[in-house]
N, C-alpha and C. Protein backbone atom coordinates (compact mmCIF):
# COMPACT_ATOMS: atom_id res chain seq x y z
N MET A 1 0.82 -1.19 0.00
CA MET A 1 0.00 0.00 0.00
C MET A 1 0.86 1.25 0.00
N GLY A 2 2.08 1.15 0.47
CA GLY A 2 2.96 2.30 0.53
C GLY A 2 3.23 2.90 -0.84
N ARG A 3 3.45 2.03 -1.81
CA ARG A 3 3.71 2.53 -3.17
C ARG A 3 2.49 3.22 -3.75
N LEU A 4 1.30 2.69 -3.49
CA LEU A 4 0.09 3.34 -3.97
C LEU A 4 -0.03 4.73 -3.37
N LYS A 5 0.20 4.83 -2.07
CA LYS A 5 0.08 6.10 -1.38
C LYS A 5 1.09 7.10 -1.94
N ASP A 6 2.32 6.66 -2.15
CA ASP A 6 3.35 7.54 -2.68
C ASP A 6 3.01 8.02 -4.08
N GLY A 7 2.47 7.13 -4.91
CA GLY A 7 2.08 7.51 -6.27
C GLY A 7 0.95 8.53 -6.27
N VAL A 8 0.00 8.36 -5.38
CA VAL A 8 -1.13 9.29 -5.30
C VAL A 8 -0.64 10.66 -4.84
N THR A 9 0.20 10.69 -3.81
CA THR A 9 0.66 11.98 -3.29
C THR A 9 1.58 12.69 -4.27
N THR A 10 2.40 11.94 -5.00
CA THR A 10 3.31 12.55 -5.98
C THR A 10 2.52 13.21 -7.10
N LYS A 11 1.49 12.56 -7.57
CA LYS A 11 0.70 13.10 -8.68
C LYS A 11 -0.15 14.29 -8.24
N ARG A 12 -0.48 14.37 -6.96
CA ARG A 12 -1.40 15.41 -6.51
C ARG A 12 -0.74 16.39 -5.55
N THR A 13 0.56 16.54 -5.61
CA THR A 13 1.28 17.40 -4.67
C THR A 13 0.78 18.84 -4.74
N LYS A 14 0.61 19.38 -5.95
CA LYS A 14 0.14 20.76 -6.07
C LYS A 14 -1.25 20.92 -5.48
N GLU A 15 -2.14 19.99 -5.81
CA GLU A 15 -3.50 20.06 -5.28
C GLU A 15 -3.50 20.00 -3.76
N ILE A 16 -2.70 19.11 -3.21
CA ILE A 16 -2.63 18.98 -1.75
C ILE A 16 -2.08 20.26 -1.14
N GLY A 17 -1.05 20.85 -1.77
CA GLY A 17 -0.49 22.12 -1.28
C GLY A 17 -1.52 23.24 -1.29
N ILE A 18 -2.30 23.32 -2.36
CA ILE A 18 -3.34 24.35 -2.46
C ILE A 18 -4.40 24.13 -1.40
N ARG A 19 -4.82 22.89 -1.21
CA ARG A 19 -5.83 22.59 -0.18
C ARG A 19 -5.32 22.98 1.20
N MET A 20 -4.04 22.67 1.48
CA MET A 20 -3.46 23.04 2.78
C MET A 20 -3.41 24.56 2.92
N ALA A 21 -3.02 25.27 1.84
CA ALA A 21 -2.94 26.73 1.89
C ALA A 21 -4.32 27.36 2.12
N LEU A 22 -5.36 26.71 1.62
CA LEU A 22 -6.71 27.22 1.79
C LEU A 22 -7.34 26.82 3.12
N GLY A 23 -6.59 26.06 3.93
CA GLY A 23 -7.06 25.77 5.28
C GLY A 23 -7.52 24.35 5.55
N SER A 24 -7.30 23.44 4.63
CA SER A 24 -7.68 22.05 4.90
C SER A 24 -6.81 21.49 6.02
N SER A 25 -7.42 20.70 6.85
CA SER A 25 -6.67 20.10 7.96
C SER A 25 -5.89 18.88 7.47
N ARG A 26 -4.95 18.47 8.28
CA ARG A 26 -4.20 17.25 7.95
C ARG A 26 -5.13 16.05 7.87
N TRP A 27 -6.14 16.05 8.72
CA TRP A 27 -7.12 14.96 8.72
C TRP A 27 -7.83 14.87 7.37
N LEU A 28 -8.26 16.00 6.82
CA LEU A 28 -8.96 15.98 5.52
C LEU A 28 -8.02 15.55 4.39
N ILE A 29 -6.79 16.01 4.44
CA ILE A 29 -5.81 15.60 3.43
C ILE A 29 -5.54 14.10 3.53
N SER A 30 -5.38 13.61 4.75
CA SER A 30 -5.15 12.18 4.95
C SER A 30 -6.33 11.38 4.44
N ARG A 31 -7.52 11.85 4.72
CA ARG A 31 -8.74 11.15 4.26
C ARG A 31 -8.81 11.15 2.73
N LEU A 32 -8.42 12.25 2.10
CA LEU A 32 -8.42 12.34 0.64
C LEU A 32 -7.46 11.32 0.04
N VAL A 33 -6.25 11.25 0.57
CA VAL A 33 -5.25 10.31 0.05
C VAL A 33 -5.69 8.88 0.33
N PHE A 34 -6.20 8.62 1.53
CA PHE A 34 -6.64 7.28 1.88
C PHE A 34 -7.77 6.82 0.96
N SER A 35 -8.73 7.71 0.67
CA SER A 35 -9.84 7.30 -0.20
C SER A 35 -9.35 7.01 -1.62
N ASP A 36 -8.37 7.79 -2.09
CA ASP A 36 -7.82 7.52 -3.43
C ASP A 36 -7.11 6.18 -3.48
N VAL A 37 -6.32 5.89 -2.45
CA VAL A 37 -5.61 4.61 -2.39
C VAL A 37 -6.60 3.46 -2.29
N LEU A 38 -7.63 3.66 -1.51
CA LEU A 38 -8.66 2.63 -1.35
C LEU A 38 -9.38 2.35 -2.67
N LYS A 39 -9.65 3.40 -3.43
CA LYS A 39 -10.28 3.22 -4.74
C LYS A 39 -9.38 2.41 -5.68
N LEU A 40 -8.09 2.76 -5.69
CA LEU A 40 -7.15 2.02 -6.54
C LEU A 40 -7.03 0.56 -6.12
N ALA A 41 -6.96 0.34 -4.83
CA ALA A 41 -6.86 -1.03 -4.32
C ALA A 41 -8.12 -1.82 -4.64
N SER A 42 -9.27 -1.18 -4.51
CA SER A 42 -10.54 -1.85 -4.81
C SER A 42 -10.62 -2.21 -6.29
N ALA A 43 -10.18 -1.30 -7.14
CA ALA A 43 -10.18 -1.58 -8.58
C ALA A 43 -9.26 -2.76 -8.89
N GLY A 44 -8.14 -2.83 -8.19
CA GLY A 44 -7.23 -3.96 -8.38
C GLY A 44 -7.84 -5.27 -7.95
N MET A 45 -8.58 -5.23 -6.84
CA MET A 45 -9.23 -6.46 -6.36
C MET A 45 -10.34 -6.90 -7.31
N VAL A 46 -11.09 -5.94 -7.84
CA VAL A 46 -12.15 -6.28 -8.80
C VAL A 46 -11.53 -6.90 -10.06
N ALA A 47 -10.43 -6.34 -10.50
CA ALA A 47 -9.75 -6.90 -11.69
C ALA A 47 -9.26 -8.32 -11.40
N ALA A 48 -8.74 -8.55 -10.20
CA ALA A 48 -8.26 -9.88 -9.84
C ALA A 48 -9.40 -10.89 -9.80
N VAL A 49 -10.54 -10.47 -9.27
CA VAL A 49 -11.70 -11.36 -9.23
C VAL A 49 -12.18 -11.67 -10.64
N ALA A 50 -12.19 -10.66 -11.51
CA ALA A 50 -12.61 -10.88 -12.89
C ALA A 50 -11.68 -11.85 -13.61
N ILE A 51 -10.39 -11.71 -13.35
CA ILE A 51 -9.43 -12.62 -13.97
C ILE A 51 -9.65 -14.03 -13.48
N LEU A 52 -9.86 -14.19 -12.18
CA LEU A 52 -10.13 -15.53 -11.64
C LEU A 52 -11.43 -16.10 -12.19
N ALA A 53 -12.44 -15.25 -12.31
CA ALA A 53 -13.72 -15.72 -12.83
C ALA A 53 -13.59 -16.20 -14.28
N ALA A 54 -12.70 -15.60 -15.03
CA ALA A 54 -12.47 -16.03 -16.41
C ALA A 54 -11.50 -17.21 -16.48
N LEU A 55 -10.55 -17.25 -15.57
CA LEU A 55 -9.52 -18.27 -15.61
C LEU A 55 -10.04 -19.66 -15.25
N LEU A 56 -10.88 -19.75 -14.26
CA LEU A 56 -11.36 -21.06 -13.82
C LEU A 56 -12.15 -21.80 -14.91
N PRO A 57 -13.14 -21.18 -15.56
CA PRO A 57 -13.83 -21.90 -16.64
C PRO A 57 -12.92 -22.20 -17.84
N ALA A 58 -12.00 -21.29 -18.13
CA ALA A 58 -11.08 -21.52 -19.24
C ALA A 58 -10.18 -22.72 -18.96
N ARG A 59 -9.73 -22.82 -17.73
CA ARG A 59 -8.88 -23.94 -17.35
C ARG A 59 -9.65 -25.26 -17.42
N LYS A 60 -10.91 -25.23 -16.99
CA LYS A 60 -11.73 -26.44 -17.05
C LYS A 60 -11.97 -26.85 -18.50
N ALA A 61 -12.24 -25.87 -19.36
CA ALA A 61 -12.47 -26.17 -20.77
C ALA A 61 -11.21 -26.72 -21.43
N ALA A 62 -10.06 -26.24 -21.03
CA ALA A 62 -8.81 -26.69 -21.63
C ALA A 62 -8.45 -28.11 -21.18
N SER A 63 -9.03 -28.57 -20.09
CA SER A 63 -8.68 -29.91 -19.60
C SER A 63 -9.63 -31.00 -20.13
N VAL A 64 -10.57 -30.65 -20.96
CA VAL A 64 -11.52 -31.62 -21.51
C VAL A 64 -10.82 -32.48 -22.56
N GLU A 65 -11.11 -33.78 -22.51
CA GLU A 65 -10.56 -34.70 -23.52
C GLU A 65 -11.42 -34.62 -24.78
N PRO A 66 -10.83 -34.32 -25.92
CA PRO A 66 -11.61 -34.19 -27.16
C PRO A 66 -12.37 -35.47 -27.53
N SER A 67 -11.78 -36.60 -27.29
CA SER A 67 -12.45 -37.86 -27.65
C SER A 67 -13.71 -38.06 -26.82
N GLU A 68 -13.68 -37.68 -25.55
CA GLU A 68 -14.88 -37.82 -24.72
C GLU A 68 -15.99 -36.88 -25.18
N VAL A 69 -15.64 -35.70 -25.56
CA VAL A 69 -16.63 -34.72 -26.01
C VAL A 69 -17.26 -35.18 -27.32
N LEU A 70 -16.44 -35.69 -28.23
CA LEU A 70 -16.95 -36.14 -29.53
C LEU A 70 -17.84 -37.37 -29.36
N ARG A 71 -17.53 -38.27 -28.43
CA ARG A 71 -18.37 -39.43 -28.19
C ARG A 71 -19.71 -39.03 -27.58
N ALA A 72 -19.71 -38.01 -26.75
CA ALA A 72 -20.94 -37.58 -26.06
C ALA A 72 -21.94 -37.00 -27.05
N GLU A 73 -21.50 -36.49 -28.16
CA GLU A 73 -22.42 -35.91 -29.14
C GLU A 73 -22.94 -37.00 -30.00
């Protein structure tokens, strides 16, 4: 998670500086960064679930014996 946090803060340094200059508290800035990291992590988990959902049926289909399938028809 550290790398995600660092990437988010590096890309938004100016925005964070402006927010701090306008009076945002450290708590609000921390919450902003945390929510961004959480969104990225959630998107990664959704992608992982989608890959698994596609991988399991594909693996099962690849393990089918062609001769058994042709006999069944």
